[in-house]
């Protein structure tokens, strides 16, 4: 069972999993809360398995600037390092 991270985190399990994978607190909270509100779907597969369009959409959701000029590899790097 996940630790209770307070009322600001809507999905503690997702938050903890993202933090364990190395996501920042801000990114983990944003994704966990968006999933809890059904504003984004659970993504399946690794970043390398996703299409450029899927990566672009994720980059847009998390606010990566310059994404329209990035190729697939650059999008993957930007998402991983966000």
Protein backbone atom coordinates (compact mmCIF):
# COMPACT_ATOMS: atom_id res chain seq x y z
CA UNK A 1 0.00 0.00 0.00
CA UNK A 2 1.27 3.44 -0.93
CA UNK A 3 2.14 6.06 1.62
CA UNK A 4 -0.36 8.91 1.93
CA UNK A 5 1.30 11.95 0.36
CA UNK A 6 -1.41 14.36 1.45
CA UNK A 7 -4.42 15.86 -0.24
CA UNK A 8 -2.38 17.45 -3.01
CA UNK A 9 -1.46 14.05 -4.49
CA UNK A 10 -4.55 12.38 -5.94
CA UNK A 11 -2.99 9.00 -6.82
CA UNK A 12 -0.37 7.93 -4.28
CA UNK A 13 0.49 4.63 -6.04
CA UNK A 14 1.28 6.35 -9.34
CA UNK A 15 3.19 9.11 -7.55
CA UNK A 16 5.39 6.60 -5.71
CA UNK A 17 6.02 4.54 -8.85
CA UNK A 18 7.10 7.63 -10.77
CA UNK A 19 9.35 8.79 -7.94
CA UNK A 20 10.92 5.30 -7.79
CA UNK A 21 11.65 5.61 -11.53
CA UNK A 22 13.45 8.89 -10.90
CA UNK A 23 10.78 11.46 -11.77
CA UNK A 24 10.94 14.77 -9.95
CA UNK A 25 8.35 15.44 -7.25
CA UNK A 26 6.70 18.05 -9.48
CA UNK A 27 6.50 15.77 -12.52
CA UNK A 28 5.29 12.78 -10.47
CA UNK A 29 2.58 14.88 -8.82
CA UNK A 30 1.44 16.37 -12.12
CA UNK A 31 1.15 12.98 -13.82
CA UNK A 32 -0.43 11.23 -10.82
CA UNK A 33 -3.04 13.95 -10.46
CA UNK A 34 -3.81 14.04 -14.18
CA UNK A 35 -4.31 10.27 -14.23
CA UNK A 36 -6.52 10.44 -11.15
CA UNK A 37 -8.68 13.02 -12.95
CA UNK A 38 -8.73 10.94 -16.16
CA UNK A 39 -7.17 13.82 -18.08
CA UNK A 40 -4.44 11.54 -19.42
CA UNK A 41 -4.45 7.83 -19.98
CA UNK A 42 -2.05 5.26 -18.62
CA UNK A 43 0.71 4.94 -21.16
CA UNK A 44 1.98 1.53 -22.10
CA UNK A 45 5.37 0.59 -23.40
CA UNK A 46 8.70 2.31 -23.27
CA UNK A 47 9.39 5.69 -24.78
CA UNK A 48 11.30 3.98 -27.60
CA UNK A 49 8.19 1.97 -28.54
CA UNK A 50 5.97 5.04 -28.89
CA UNK A 51 5.42 6.93 -32.12
CA UNK A 52 6.81 10.42 -32.63
CA UNK A 53 3.23 11.78 -32.47
CA UNK A 54 2.66 10.10 -29.09
CA UNK A 55 5.93 11.48 -27.78
CA UNK A 56 5.07 14.94 -29.10
CA UNK A 57 1.70 14.82 -27.31
CA UNK A 58 3.36 13.83 -24.04
CA UNK A 59 5.96 16.57 -24.42
CA UNK A 60 3.14 19.05 -24.98
CA UNK A 61 1.27 17.84 -21.88
CA UNK A 62 4.31 18.29 -19.66
CA UNK A 63 5.29 21.63 -21.19
CA UNK A 64 8.52 20.91 -23.05
CA UNK A 65 9.44 23.91 -25.17
CA UNK A 66 10.88 23.53 -28.67
CA UNK A 67 9.17 20.16 -29.14
CA UNK A 68 7.93 20.97 -32.65
CA UNK A 69 11.52 21.07 -33.93
CA UNK A 70 12.60 17.85 -32.19
CA UNK A 71 13.02 14.47 -33.80
CA UNK A 72 11.93 11.28 -32.02
CA UNK A 73 15.26 10.81 -30.22
CA UNK A 74 15.29 14.40 -29.00
CA UNK A 75 11.71 14.08 -27.75
CA UNK A 76 12.64 10.93 -25.82
CA UNK A 77 15.64 12.69 -24.23
CA UNK A 78 13.58 15.76 -23.35
CA UNK A 79 10.83 13.67 -21.72
CA UNK A 80 13.31 11.57 -19.77
CA UNK A 81 15.13 14.65 -18.51
CA UNK A 82 12.09 16.76 -17.72
